[in-house]
Amino acid sequence: MIVPVILSGGSGTRLWPLSRKLYPKQFLSLVNETTLFQDTIMRLPAETSDPVIICNEEHRFIVSEQLRQIKSGNKGIILEPVGKNTAPAIALAAISLLNEGEDPTLLILSADHLIDGNEKFREAIEIASKVSEKGKIVTFGIHPNKPETGFGYIEVNNSKKSQYYNIVSFTEKPNFEIAKKYLASGVHYWNSGIFMFKASVYLRELEKYEPEIYAICKKSFTKRYNDLDFIRLDNKEFYKCPDKSIDYAIMEKTKTGVVVPFNGNWSDIGSWQALWESKSKDSNNNFSEGDVILNEVSNSYVYSPNRLVSVNDLSDLIVIDTQDALLVSSMKNSQNIKTIVQKLKSENRSESDNHQKVYRPWGYYNLIDHGKGFQVKRIFVNSGAKLSLQRHEKRSEHWVIVKGVARVTCGEKVFQLKENESTYIPKGEIHRLENIKKTPLEVIEVQTGTYLGEDDITRLEDDYLRN
């Protein structure tokens, strides 16, 4: 049996400002109507089982909702309290499946890759499955079509034509001159980050080369517990785990590693340039989306869904306009955008983590306006959903019902509010907002107080078991 393992913990900083820590690129619809995460699951061959999902606990309700939207089951959603890279994440999946008495072949996939040509992908999976049954650790190699400096490379011994090749060496993101040599060599592949192997083989190699990672992951999983549909680890133990990729932990050391070539179109969508390359473009080689006017512009990506953006007499440009942030970058250096995100984080700016539209398990809210001592939100509550029973120590709230019918708890009172009706929630008062109808509930919330941060919430009851 082949069990897909979907690694969904990335933060996608190089696609900021669309991709942010709390809603990263794998959960965005960047290429079509579905998200990259959903596409990863939907392209799986029919003979594979439901996937195991590894994700950050902050993304758990996004994962659950996006699985529901495509009617996909799962063999477990394992929550990482903190990202420790791919080697520990894969170990958790392998341990969880062996714990069920299985030793399946694992198909390791990143949730944020773009793959065209499903037939070639399935052919590569079929070959890799047979090779992994021989005890090999298989990685999929992509034939390079340009001297790309943003990918790792794998050198193979392909002196004899075969369906798979032994690994000679790995190189992490070479400079342009070396990348040109690799392109011409005929013995180098891009490192796709797609793997296949038996669960027991992976754990055997991990215990051999990274015993600390192996021991911590096993101990952390042993002390796991279920939280709704999610598997929670022993967080205190998992925090001790070294941060290492599968490449550094195993692939560069193991004697069992091989490469199966994949000849389809593949991209890790690791930059705005990579996304631009995946798009259909106009006669001037531009891709634009939203309210955009271009004049004498070429080789550019311009995105503005919220307001008019016009660009004149420029080329090789990235322009991404969101509700709270505008990015302007050269095309060739678009991978360096992660440096901007690092600066935002160092200044504790919310734009590194949140959009103005913030998703919650009960729905979402939009931040409309804010200033000293006040904040205005537009809240959307799904049918039948309710916020936690909570209180705030430093702010008061005023709710105005725009659409739908709300059930409001305020102290010992429970009452309904209809459209154009409002209520006041004093500071420190226990309260809750519920949608009791089949249609969405829309509320304008005005917050006032000395501190308006999201961490000023004390939850007394919560359907989603949040702290």
Foldseek 3Di string as FASTA:
>chain_A
DEAEEEEEADQLLLPPPVGFNLRGQLCDPLPHPGGLLLVVQVLDDPPYDQYEYEYAPSCVLSVVVSCVVVVGDHPAYEHAPDAQAALLSLLLVLLVQVVVVDFHKYKYYYSQKDFPDSVLVVVLVVVQRVLQVVLFKEFEFEQDPALFQQFKKWFFPPPDPDQKTFTDAIGGRDDSVVSVVQNPPVRMTTGQRIIIHTSVSSLVQLCVQPVQSSVLSNQQQVPWDDFVRHIYTNNVSSVPHHRDYCCVRGVRPDRRYMYRYRHTDMDSPSHPLRSLVSDDADPQSEDEEAQEAEELEHQEYAYDNDDYDYDYNYYQWYWHDDPPDIDIDGNVPSNCSSVVLVVCVVVVHCSNHDDLWAADSQGIKGWDDDDQFKTKIKDKGAAFGKFFFKAFQWKKKKKAWQAAKKWKDWAPDTDIDHHRDMDIHDHPTTMMIGHHDNDMTIMMMMMGGNDDDPVRIDGPGGPSPDD
